[in-house]
């Protein structure tokens, strides 16, 4: 079947007519910028010795709010990876019953507000949307594991020594140390000291960092969505432009669609005059307008 030519235009409430091709052209032009929001860590990279990620992590996190397909994909992957439950598998051939009970007790109650499944799911959402995920591991004074928590990945940056991590939220700053790092770290200042030399109430807790490997960085991972980043941003900017266009110019009163043939400029001008002049006159004086020999399909 031969494809018919289709011409579409929007008739605004103020009488102006905007062709769909014109609107799309300007929408794409407005979407050429690929700039991402500025990083809130700002000067902290140089002052604290932190490593700046390849992309703004907060901007990557915001992509979940901009594209429904990306949102559903990340949520589905996280649920399928970590949201379907867990089981305990021994790493030694003959684990004692006491070891098993200790491990089960910790994993069944890692957090007073979240289950292990909840924590794993949150970490995997960060992993799939940002390329990085963080577990906070909490110990008591004797070094026994007593808690597990998820830390939002867009709030954390890696130190140059790869043994320390810094979280900044607003004006508050907290330091962590790499899981298994033998020395103590002061959670308020980030200073390193020999194990046991910092009071327990000042010791930084540990972080397990999982990241989606990229050869471009030794410190951070990258999400799988990056190849489609330009498309997501362009779609969002195009949609915002279209909304802004109608809000600032007028409300579309009609959608005019002409099918079956290409329209020449003379015909377009006749159609424009019909809506810009005759329709306005008809609204004010319905008995003064003659019927035109045009057939239109209207969609209000």
C-alpha atoms as a PDB file:
ATOM      1  CA  UNK A   1       0.000   0.000   0.000  1.00  0.00           C
ATOM      2  CA  UNK A   2       1.349   3.376  -0.977  1.00  0.00           C
ATOM      3  CA  UNK A   3       2.041   5.617   1.977  1.00  0.00           C
ATOM      4  CA  UNK A   4      -0.026   8.802   1.868  1.00  0.00           C
ATOM      5  CA  UNK A   5       1.473  12.191   2.524  1.00  0.00           C
ATOM      6  CA  UNK A   6       0.443  13.677   5.852  1.00  0.00           C
ATOM      7  CA  UNK A   7       0.662  17.312   6.907  1.00  0.00           C
ATOM      8  CA  UNK A   8      -0.143  18.308  10.473  1.00  0.00           C
ATOM      9  CA  UNK A   9      -0.340  21.701  12.163  1.00  0.00           C
ATOM     10  CA  UNK A  10      -1.520  23.112  15.488  1.00  0.00           C
ATOM     11  CA  UNK A  11      -4.042  25.954  15.577  1.00  0.00           C
ATOM     12  CA  UNK A  12      -3.464  27.920  18.780  1.00  0.00           C
ATOM     13  CA  UNK A  13      -6.148  29.719  20.733  1.00  0.00           C
ATOM     14  CA  UNK A  14      -4.741  33.077  19.648  1.00  0.00           C
ATOM     15  CA  UNK A  15      -5.183  32.161  15.981  1.00  0.00           C
ATOM     16  CA  UNK A  16      -1.519  31.421  15.260  1.00  0.00           C
ATOM     17  CA  UNK A  17      -0.769  28.265  13.267  1.00  0.00           C
ATOM     18  CA  UNK A  18       2.345  26.229  13.992  1.00  0.00           C
ATOM     19  CA  UNK A  19       3.305  23.381  11.663  1.00  0.00           C
ATOM     20  CA  UNK A  20       4.491  20.218  13.386  1.00  0.00           C
ATOM     21  CA  UNK A  21       7.710  20.206  11.357  1.00  0.00           C
ATOM     22  CA  UNK A  22       8.519  23.716  12.602  1.00  0.00           C
ATOM     23  CA  UNK A  23       7.885  22.783  16.221  1.00  0.00           C
ATOM     24  CA  UNK A  24      10.016  19.663  15.922  1.00  0.00           C
ATOM     25  CA  UNK A  25      12.841  21.547  14.255  1.00  0.00           C
ATOM     26  CA  UNK A  26      13.070  24.130  17.004  1.00  0.00           C
ATOM     27  CA  UNK A  27      12.668  21.495  19.689  1.00  0.00           C
ATOM     28  CA  UNK A  28      15.682  19.607  18.353  1.00  0.00           C
ATOM     29  CA  UNK A  29      17.655  22.824  18.100  1.00  0.00           C
ATOM     30  CA  UNK A  30      16.925  23.579  21.730  1.00  0.00           C
ATOM     31  CA  UNK A  31      18.098  20.066  22.651  1.00  0.00           C
ATOM     32  CA  UNK A  32      21.578  20.321  21.174  1.00  0.00           C
ATOM     33  CA  UNK A  33      23.214  21.068  24.539  1.00  0.00           C
ATOM     34  CA  UNK A  34      24.598  18.030  26.304  1.00  0.00           C
ATOM     35  CA  UNK A  35      25.712  19.848  29.439  1.00  0.00           C
ATOM     36  CA  UNK A  36      25.006  18.138  32.759  1.00  0.00           C
ATOM     37  CA  UNK A  37      24.373  19.898  36.086  1.00  0.00           C
ATOM     38  CA  UNK A  38      27.433  21.059  38.026  1.00  0.00           C
ATOM     39  CA  UNK A  39      28.949  18.783  40.662  1.00  0.00           C
ATOM     40  CA  UNK A  40      28.049  19.819  44.201  1.00  0.00           C
ATOM     41  CA  UNK A  41      31.388  18.589  45.539  1.00  0.00           C
ATOM     42  CA  UNK A  42      33.012  21.536  43.765  1.00  0.00           C
ATOM     43  CA  UNK A  43      36.312  22.558  45.369  1.00  0.00           C
ATOM     44  CA  UNK A  44      36.238  19.596  47.779  1.00  0.00           C
ATOM     45  CA  UNK A  45      38.124  17.498  45.238  1.00  0.00           C
ATOM     46  CA  UNK A  46      41.288  19.550  45.520  1.00  0.00           C
ATOM     47  CA  UNK A  47      40.926  20.421  49.193  1.00  0.00           C
ATOM     48  CA  UNK A  48      40.241  16.879  50.431  1.00  0.00           C
ATOM     49  CA  UNK A  49      42.223  14.865  47.886  1.00  0.00           C
ATOM     50  CA  UNK A  50      39.147  13.251  46.387  1.00  0.00           C
ATOM     51  CA  UNK A  51      38.975  11.923  42.832  1.00  0.00           C
ATOM     52  CA  UNK A  52      36.427  13.496  40.516  1.00  0.00           C
ATOM     53  CA  UNK A  53      34.315  10.901  38.648  1.00  0.00           C
ATOM     54  CA  UNK A  54      34.169  10.804  34.871  1.00  0.00           C
ATOM     55  CA  UNK A  55      30.521  11.913  34.932  1.00  0.00           C
ATOM     56  CA  UNK A  56      28.446  13.862  37.417  1.00  0.00           C
ATOM     57  CA  UNK A  57      27.029  11.085  39.600  1.00  0.00           C
ATOM     58  CA  UNK A  58      24.078  13.141  40.789  1.00  0.00           C
ATOM     59  CA  UNK A  59      23.109  13.884  37.186  1.00  0.00           C
ATOM     60  CA  UNK A  60      23.274  10.166  36.369  1.00  0.00           C
ATOM     61  CA  UNK A  61      21.015   9.442  39.333  1.00  0.00           C
ATOM     62  CA  UNK A  62      18.514  12.020  38.057  1.00  0.00           C
ATOM     63  CA  UNK A  63      18.205  10.178  34.749  1.00  0.00           C
ATOM     64  CA  UNK A  64      15.919   7.717  36.541  1.00  0.00           C
ATOM     65  CA  UNK A  65      13.416  10.556  36.915  1.00  0.00           C
ATOM     66  CA  UNK A  66      13.681  11.649  33.288  1.00  0.00           C
ATOM     67  CA  UNK A  67      13.097   8.472  31.314  1.00  0.00           C
ATOM     68  CA  UNK A  68      10.444   5.846  32.198  1.00  0.00           C
ATOM     69  CA  UNK A  69      12.136   3.099  30.177  1.00  0.00           C
ATOM     70  CA  UNK A  70      15.448   3.615  31.948  1.00  0.00           C
ATOM     71  CA  UNK A  71      13.654   3.677  35.302  1.00  0.00           C
ATOM     72  CA  UNK A  72      11.833   0.409  34.679  1.00  0.00           C
ATOM     73  CA  UNK A  73      14.968  -1.293  33.332  1.00  0.00           C
ATOM     74  CA  UNK A  74      17.060  -0.332  36.382  1.00  0.00           C
ATOM     75  CA  UNK A  75      14.345  -1.347  38.844  1.00  0.00           C
ATOM     76  CA  UNK A  76      13.796  -4.669  37.085  1.00  0.00           C
ATOM     77  CA  UNK A  77      17.507  -5.508  36.946  1.00  0.00           C
ATOM     78  CA  UNK A  78      17.951  -4.623  40.620  1.00  0.00           C
ATOM     79  CA  UNK A  79      14.967  -6.721  41.665  1.00  0.00           C
ATOM     80  CA  UNK A  80      16.042  -9.714  39.576  1.00  0.00           C
ATOM     81  CA  UNK A  81      19.622  -9.479  40.876  1.00  0.00           C
ATOM     82  CA  UNK A  82      19.087  -8.788  44.562  1.00  0.00           C
ATOM     83  CA  UNK A  83      15.390  -8.522  45.321  1.00  0.00           C
ATOM     84  CA  UNK A  84      14.388 -12.177  45.144  1.00  0.00           C
ATOM     85  CA  UNK A  85      15.896 -13.228  48.473  1.00  0.00           C
ATOM     86  CA  UNK A  86      19.198 -14.754  49.530  1.00  0.00           C
ATOM     87  CA  UNK A  87      20.760 -17.877  51.035  1.00  0.00           C
ATOM     88  CA  UNK A  88      23.932 -18.618  52.998  1.00  0.00           C
ATOM     89  CA  UNK A  89      26.695 -20.573  51.265  1.00  0.00           C
ATOM     90  CA  UNK A  90      29.739 -21.771  53.237  1.00  0.00           C
ATOM     91  CA  UNK A  91      33.208 -20.832  51.976  1.00  0.00           C
ATOM     92  CA  UNK A  92      34.868 -23.623  54.025  1.00  0.00           C
ATOM     93  CA  UNK A  93      34.289 -27.344  53.794  1.00  0.00           C
ATOM     94  CA  UNK A  94      33.269 -27.853  57.397  1.00  0.00           C
ATOM     95  CA  UNK A  95      31.864 -24.665  58.944  1.00  0.00           C
ATOM     96  CA  UNK A  96      30.899 -24.940  62.592  1.00  0.00           C
ATOM     97  CA  UNK A  97      27.316 -24.561  63.676  1.00  0.00           C
ATOM     98  CA  UNK A  98      28.358 -21.574  65.773  1.00  0.00           C
ATOM     99  CA  UNK A  99      29.799 -19.796  62.748  1.00  0.00           C
ATOM    100  CA  UNK A 100      26.622 -20.464  60.818  1.00  0.00           C
ATOM    101  CA  UNK A 101      24.431 -19.131  63.610  1.00  0.00           C
ATOM    102  CA  UNK A 102      26.494 -15.942  63.927  1.00  0.00           C
ATOM    103  CA  UNK A 103      26.352 -15.333  60.195  1.00  0.00           C
ATOM    104  CA  UNK A 104      22.623 -16.021  59.998  1.00  0.00           C
ATOM    105  CA  UNK A 105      21.885 -13.781  62.951  1.00  0.00           C
ATOM    106  CA  UNK A 106      23.763 -10.927  61.322  1.00  0.00           C
ATOM    107  CA  UNK A 107      22.279 -11.375  57.853  1.00  0.00           C
ATOM    108  CA  UNK A 108      18.717 -11.777  59.114  1.00  0.00           C
ATOM    109  CA  UNK A 109      18.951  -8.546  61.105  1.00  0.00           C
ATOM    110  CA  UNK A 110      21.604  -6.339  59.483  1.00  0.00           C
ATOM    111  CA  UNK A 111      19.686  -3.152  60.069  1.00  0.00           C
ATOM    112  CA  UNK A 112      16.878  -2.084  62.440  1.00  0.00           C
ATOM    113  CA  UNK A 113      14.958  -0.496  59.546  1.00  0.00           C
ATOM    114  CA  UNK A 114      15.863  -2.544  56.458  1.00  0.00           C
ATOM    115  CA  UNK A 115      16.184  -6.185  55.537  1.00  0.00           C
ATOM    116  CA  UNK A 116      19.217  -7.539  53.700  1.00  0.00           C
ATOM    117  CA  UNK A 117      17.074  -7.795  50.565  1.00  0.00           C
ATOM    118  CA  UNK A 118      16.153  -4.104  50.842  1.00  0.00           C
ATOM    119  CA  UNK A 119      19.792  -3.083  51.271  1.00  0.00           C
ATOM    120  CA  UNK A 120      20.971  -5.242  48.367  1.00  0.00           C
ATOM    121  CA  UNK A 121      18.206  -3.892  46.131  1.00  0.00           C
ATOM    122  CA  UNK A 122      19.112  -0.265  46.910  1.00  0.00           C
ATOM    123  CA  UNK A 123      22.793  -0.897  46.210  1.00  0.00           C
ATOM    124  CA  UNK A 124      21.949  -2.522  42.888  1.00  0.00           C
ATOM    125  CA  UNK A 125      19.720   0.402  41.856  1.00  0.00           C
ATOM    126  CA  UNK A 126      22.745   2.661  42.372  1.00  0.00           C
ATOM    127  CA  UNK A 127      24.995   0.172  40.569  1.00  0.00           C
ATOM    128  CA  UNK A 128      22.752   0.012  37.493  1.00  0.00           C
ATOM    129  CA  UNK A 129      21.934   3.737  37.350  1.00  0.00           C
ATOM    130  CA  UNK A 130      25.285   5.253  38.404  1.00  0.00           C
ATOM    131  CA  UNK A 131      27.775   2.416  37.967  1.00  0.00           C
ATOM    132  CA  UNK A 132      28.699   2.392  41.665  1.00  0.00           C
ATOM    133  CA  UNK A 133      27.132   0.969  44.826  1.00  0.00           C
ATOM    134  CA  UNK A 134      28.169   1.214  48.467  1.00  0.00           C
ATOM    135  CA  UNK A 135      27.589  -0.950  51.543  1.00  0.00           C
ATOM    136  CA  UNK A 136      28.461   0.497  54.942  1.00  0.00           C
ATOM    137  CA  UNK A 137      29.801  -2.191  57.292  1.00  0.00           C
ATOM    138  CA  UNK A 138      29.453  -1.447  61.015  1.00  0.00           C
ATOM    139  CA  UNK A 139      31.485  -3.148  63.758  1.00  0.00           C
ATOM    140  CA  UNK A 140      31.428  -3.023  67.558  1.00  0.00           C
ATOM    141  CA  UNK A 141      34.481  -2.146  69.705  1.00  0.00           C
ATOM    142  CA  UNK A 142      35.737  -5.721  69.433  1.00  0.00           C
ATOM    143  CA  UNK A 143      35.575  -5.722  65.646  1.00  0.00           C
ATOM    144  CA  UNK A 144      32.477  -7.933  65.399  1.00  0.00           C
ATOM    145  CA  UNK A 145      30.108  -7.151  62.516  1.00  0.00           C
ATOM    146  CA  UNK A 146      26.879  -5.748  63.915  1.00  0.00           C
ATOM    147  CA  UNK A 147      25.284  -3.795  61.069  1.00  0.00           C
ATOM    148  CA  UNK A 148      24.972  -3.189  57.347  1.00  0.00           C
ATOM    149  CA  UNK A 149      23.638  -0.126  55.569  1.00  0.00           C
ATOM    150  CA  UNK A 150      23.236   1.264  52.059  1.00  0.00           C
ATOM    151  CA  UNK A 151      24.880   4.606  51.259  1.00  0.00           C
ATOM    152  CA  UNK A 152      23.496   6.557  48.255  1.00  0.00           C
ATOM    153  CA  UNK A 153      26.258   6.352  45.662  1.00  0.00           C
ATOM    154  CA  UNK A 154      25.851   9.876  44.278  1.00  0.00           C
ATOM    155  CA  UNK A 155      26.853  11.294  47.703  1.00  0.00           C
ATOM    156  CA  UNK A 156      30.190   9.445  47.949  1.00  0.00           C
ATOM    157  CA  UNK A 157      33.599  10.176  46.414  1.00  0.00           C
ATOM    158  CA  UNK A 158      36.795   8.103  46.526  1.00  0.00           C
ATOM    159  CA  UNK A 159      40.034   9.436  47.977  1.00  0.00           C
ATOM    160  CA  UNK A 160      43.211   9.293  45.909  1.00  0.00           C
ATOM    161  CA  UNK A 161      44.702   6.628  48.222  1.00  0.00           C
ATOM    162  CA  UNK A 162      41.690   4.334  47.531  1.00  0.00           C
ATOM    163  CA  UNK A 163      41.548   3.545  51.257  1.00  0.00           C
ATOM    164  CA  UNK A 164      39.181   6.344  52.232  1.00  0.00           C
ATOM    165  CA  UNK A 165      35.785   7.560  51.077  1.00  0.00           C
ATOM    166  CA  UNK A 166      34.035  10.832  51.793  1.00  0.00           C
ATOM    167  CA  UNK A 167      30.299  11.468  51.862  1.00  0.00           C
ATOM    168  CA  UNK A 168      28.993  15.023  51.612  1.00  0.00           C
ATOM    169  CA  UNK A 169      25.333  15.919  52.059  1.00  0.00           C
ATOM    170  CA  UNK A 170      24.629  19.631  52.343  1.00  0.00           C
ATOM    171  CA  UNK A 171      27.152  21.036  54.801  1.00  0.00           C
ATOM    172  CA  UNK A 172      27.789  17.712  56.552  1.00  0.00           C
ATOM    173  CA  UNK A 173      30.839  15.601  55.751  1.00  0.00           C
ATOM    174  CA  UNK A 174      31.617  12.030  56.902  1.00  0.00           C
ATOM    175  CA  UNK A 175      34.624   9.816  56.204  1.00  0.00           C
ATOM    176  CA  UNK A 176      34.701   6.047  55.736  1.00  0.00           C
ATOM    177  CA  UNK A 177      37.501   3.561  55.192  1.00  0.00           C
ATOM    178  CA  UNK A 178      37.833   0.718  52.724  1.00  0.00           C
ATOM    179  CA  UNK A 179      36.546  -2.637  53.970  1.00  0.00           C
ATOM    180  CA  UNK A 180      39.514  -4.564  55.381  1.00  0.00           C
ATOM    181  CA  UNK A 181      41.787  -1.487  55.689  1.00  0.00           C
ATOM    182  CA  UNK A 182      43.809  -2.230  58.843  1.00  0.00           C
ATOM    183  CA  UNK A 183      44.406   1.319  60.093  1.00  0.00           C
ATOM    184  CA  UNK A 184      41.855   3.547  61.788  1.00  0.00           C
ATOM    185  CA  UNK A 185      40.333   6.587  60.108  1.00  0.00           C
ATOM    186  CA  UNK A 186      38.768   9.499  61.961  1.00  0.00           C
ATOM    187  CA  UNK A 187      35.229   9.796  60.609  1.00  0.00           C
ATOM    188  CA  UNK A 188      35.169  13.566  61.167  1.00  0.00           C
ATOM    189  CA  UNK A 189      38.566  14.606  59.782  1.00  0.00           C
ATOM    190  CA  UNK A 190      39.546  11.694  57.542  1.00  0.00           C
ATOM    191  CA  UNK A 191      42.952  11.388  59.257  1.00  0.00           C
ATOM    192  CA  UNK A 192      44.609   7.956  59.249  1.00  0.00           C
ATOM    193  CA  UNK A 193      46.053   6.503  62.468  1.00  0.00           C
ATOM    194  CA  UNK A 194      47.333   3.090  63.644  1.00  0.00           C
ATOM    195  CA  UNK A 195      44.654   0.538  64.461  1.00  0.00           C
ATOM    196  CA  UNK A 196      43.180   1.038  67.924  1.00  0.00           C
ATOM    197  CA  UNK A 197      44.614   4.535  68.415  1.00  0.00           C
ATOM    198  CA  UNK A 198      41.387   6.419  67.606  1.00  0.00           C
ATOM    199  CA  UNK A 199      38.569   6.227  70.177  1.00  0.00           C
ATOM    200  CA  UNK A 200      35.750   3.922  69.111  1.00  0.00           C
ATOM    201  CA  UNK A 201      33.275   6.797  68.921  1.00  0.00           C
ATOM    202  CA  UNK A 202      35.482   8.550  66.353  1.00  0.00           C
ATOM    203  CA  UNK A 203      36.431   5.584  64.182  1.00  0.00           C
ATOM    204  CA  UNK A 204      35.144   5.561  60.643  1.00  0.00           C
ATOM    205  CA  UNK A 205      33.013   2.632  59.597  1.00  0.00           C
ATOM    206  CA  UNK A 206      33.954   0.567  56.534  1.00  0.00           C
ATOM    207  CA  UNK A 207      32.691   0.671  52.985  1.00  0.00           C
ATOM    208  CA  UNK A 208      32.353  -2.100  50.410  1.00  0.00           C
ATOM    209  CA  UNK A 209      32.451  -0.497  46.982  1.00  0.00           C
ATOM    210  CA  UNK A 210      30.964  -2.428  44.053  1.00  0.00           C
ATOM    211  CA  UNK A 211      31.357  -0.842  40.646  1.00  0.00           C
ATOM    212  CA  UNK A 212      30.684  -1.566  36.999  1.00  0.00           C
ATOM    213  CA  UNK A 213      34.197  -1.738  35.567  1.00  0.00           C
ATOM    214  CA  UNK A 214      35.424   0.767  33.023  1.00  0.00           C
ATOM    215  CA  UNK A 215      38.977   0.990  31.709  1.00  0.00           C
ATOM    216  CA  UNK A 216      38.760   4.785  31.950  1.00  0.00           C
ATOM    217  CA  UNK A 217      38.892   4.933  35.746  1.00  0.00           C
ATOM    218  CA  UNK A 218      40.556   3.046  38.591  1.00  0.00           C
ATOM    219  CA  UNK A 219      38.236   4.684  41.116  1.00  0.00           C
ATOM    220  CA  UNK A 220      34.700   4.589  39.738  1.00  0.00           C
ATOM    221  CA  UNK A 221      32.485   2.497  37.511  1.00  0.00           C
ATOM    222  CA  UNK A 222      30.115   3.594  34.759  1.00  0.00           C
ATOM    223  CA  UNK A 223      26.484   2.551  34.134  1.00  0.00           C
ATOM    224  CA  UNK A 224      25.408   0.616  31.050  1.00  0.00           C
ATOM    225  CA  UNK A 225      23.015   3.435  30.074  1.00  0.00           C
ATOM    226  CA  UNK A 226      25.813   5.795  29.009  1.00  0.00           C
ATOM    227  CA  UNK A 227      25.660   4.997  25.248  1.00  0.00           C
ATOM    228  CA  UNK A 228      22.033   6.210  25.316  1.00  0.00           C
ATOM    229  CA  UNK A 229      22.748   9.302  27.404  1.00  0.00           C
ATOM    230  CA  UNK A 230      22.415  11.755  24.500  1.00  0.00           C
ATOM    231  CA  UNK A 231      19.106  10.249  23.425  1.00  0.00           C
ATOM    232  CA  UNK A 232      17.635  10.490  26.947  1.00  0.00           C
ATOM    233  CA  UNK A 233      18.702  14.102  27.395  1.00  0.00           C
ATOM    234  CA  UNK A 234      17.472  15.064  23.922  1.00  0.00           C
ATOM    235  CA  UNK A 235      14.057  13.470  24.504  1.00  0.00           C
ATOM    236  CA  UNK A 236      13.708  15.304  27.797  1.00  0.00           C
ATOM    237  CA  UNK A 237      14.746  18.668  26.375  1.00  0.00           C
ATOM    238  CA  UNK A 238      12.426  18.233  23.398  1.00  0.00           C
ATOM    239  CA  UNK A 239       9.472  17.469  25.683  1.00  0.00           C
ATOM    240  CA  UNK A 240      10.259  20.427  27.954  1.00  0.00           C
ATOM    241  CA  UNK A 241      10.549  22.735  24.953  1.00  0.00           C
ATOM    242  CA  UNK A 242       7.206  21.638  23.530  1.00  0.00           C
ATOM    243  CA  UNK A 243       5.481  22.223  26.871  1.00  0.00           C
ATOM    244  CA  UNK A 244       7.161  25.602  27.297  1.00  0.00           C
ATOM    245  CA  UNK A 245       6.278  26.607  23.735  1.00  0.00           C
ATOM    246  CA  UNK A 246       2.551  26.134  24.219  1.00  0.00           C
ATOM    247  CA  UNK A 247       2.570  27.649  27.710  1.00  0.00           C
ATOM    248  CA  UNK A 248       4.307  30.803  26.478  1.00  0.00           C
ATOM    249  CA  UNK A 249       2.460  31.225  23.181  1.00  0.00           C
ATOM    250  CA  UNK A 250      -1.046  29.808  23.418  1.00  0.00           C
ATOM    251  CA  UNK A 251      -3.100  26.714  24.078  1.00  0.00           C
ATOM    252  CA  UNK A 252      -3.637  24.472  21.025  1.00  0.00           C
ATOM    253  CA  UNK A 253      -7.319  24.625  20.089  1.00  0.00           C
ATOM    254  CA  UNK A 254      -7.171  22.257  17.084  1.00  0.00           C
ATOM    255  CA  UNK A 255      -4.911  19.757  15.411  1.00  0.00           C
ATOM    256  CA  UNK A 256      -5.329  19.981  11.635  1.00  0.00           C
ATOM    257  CA  UNK A 257      -4.301  16.920   9.630  1.00  0.00           C
ATOM    258  CA  UNK A 258      -4.384  16.842   5.823  1.00  0.00           C
ATOM    259  CA  UNK A 259      -3.776  13.483   4.120  1.00  0.00           C
ATOM    260  CA  UNK A 260      -3.509  12.318   0.557  1.00  0.00           C
ATOM    261  CA  UNK A 261      -1.258  14.903  -1.092  1.00  0.00           C
ATOM    262  CA  UNK A 262       1.604  17.289  -0.591  1.00  0.00           C
ATOM    263  CA  UNK A 263       0.418  20.845   0.141  1.00  0.00           C
ATOM    264  CA  UNK A 264       1.820  23.720  -1.883  1.00  0.00           C
ATOM    265  CA  UNK A 265       2.350  27.129  -0.337  1.00  0.00           C
ATOM    266  CA  UNK A 266      -0.798  28.600  -1.918  1.00  0.00           C
ATOM    267  CA  UNK A 267      -2.981  25.910  -0.359  1.00  0.00           C
ATOM    268  CA  UNK A 268      -1.264  26.353   3.002  1.00  0.00           C
ATOM    269  CA  UNK A 269      -1.968  30.073   2.873  1.00  0.00           C
ATOM    270  CA  UNK A 270      -5.661  29.431   2.151  1.00  0.00           C
ATOM    271  CA  UNK A 271      -5.862  27.105   5.129  1.00  0.00           C
ATOM    272  CA  UNK A 272      -4.045  29.594   7.332  1.00  0.00           C
ATOM    273  CA  UNK A 273      -6.434  32.383   6.294  1.00  0.00           C
ATOM    274  CA  UNK A 274      -9.406  30.189   7.037  1.00  0.00           C
ATOM    275  CA  UNK A 275      -8.343  29.711  10.656  1.00  0.00           C
ATOM    276  CA  UNK A 276      -6.717  33.074  11.274  1.00  0.00           C
ATOM    277  CA  UNK A 277      -9.480  35.214   9.742  1.00  0.00           C
ATOM    278  CA  UNK A 278     -12.651  33.344   8.902  1.00  0.00           C
ATOM    279  CA  UNK A 279     -12.835  31.199  12.048  1.00  0.00           C
ATOM    280  CA  UNK A 280     -12.285  34.273  14.237  1.00  0.00           C
ATOM    281  CA  UNK A 281     -15.021  36.139  12.374  1.00  0.00           C
ATOM    282  CA  UNK A 282     -17.329  33.162  12.650  1.00  0.00           C
ATOM    283  CA  UNK A 283     -16.853  33.023  16.413  1.00  0.00           C
ATOM    284  CA  UNK A 284     -17.751  36.704  16.752  1.00  0.00           C
ATOM    285  CA  UNK A 285     -20.446  36.786  14.023  1.00  0.00           C
ATOM    286  CA  UNK A 286     -21.530  33.240  13.166  1.00  0.00           C
ATOM    287  CA  UNK A 287     -23.967  34.342  10.439  1.00  0.00           C
ATOM    288  CA  UNK A 288     -21.478  36.379   8.378  1.00  0.00           C
ATOM    289  CA  UNK A 289     -19.092  33.645   7.220  1.00  0.00           C
ATOM    290  CA  UNK A 290     -19.598  31.696   4.019  1.00  0.00           C
ATOM    291  CA  UNK A 291     -18.904  27.983   4.005  1.00  0.00           C
ATOM    292  CA  UNK A 292     -15.490  27.078   2.528  1.00  0.00           C
ATOM    293  CA  UNK A 293     -14.736  24.258   0.135  1.00  0.00           C
ATOM    294  CA  UNK A 294     -12.157  22.623   2.402  1.00  0.00           C
ATOM    295  CA  UNK A 295     -12.462  19.320   4.184  1.00  0.00           C
ATOM    296  CA  UNK A 296     -10.455  19.075   7.397  1.00  0.00           C
ATOM    297  CA  UNK A 297     -10.130  16.443  10.061  1.00  0.00           C
ATOM    298  CA  UNK A 298     -10.097  18.024  13.520  1.00  0.00           C
ATOM    299  CA  UNK A 299      -8.790  16.493  16.730  1.00  0.00           C
ATOM    300  CA  UNK A 300      -9.521  18.596  19.788  1.00  0.00           C
END
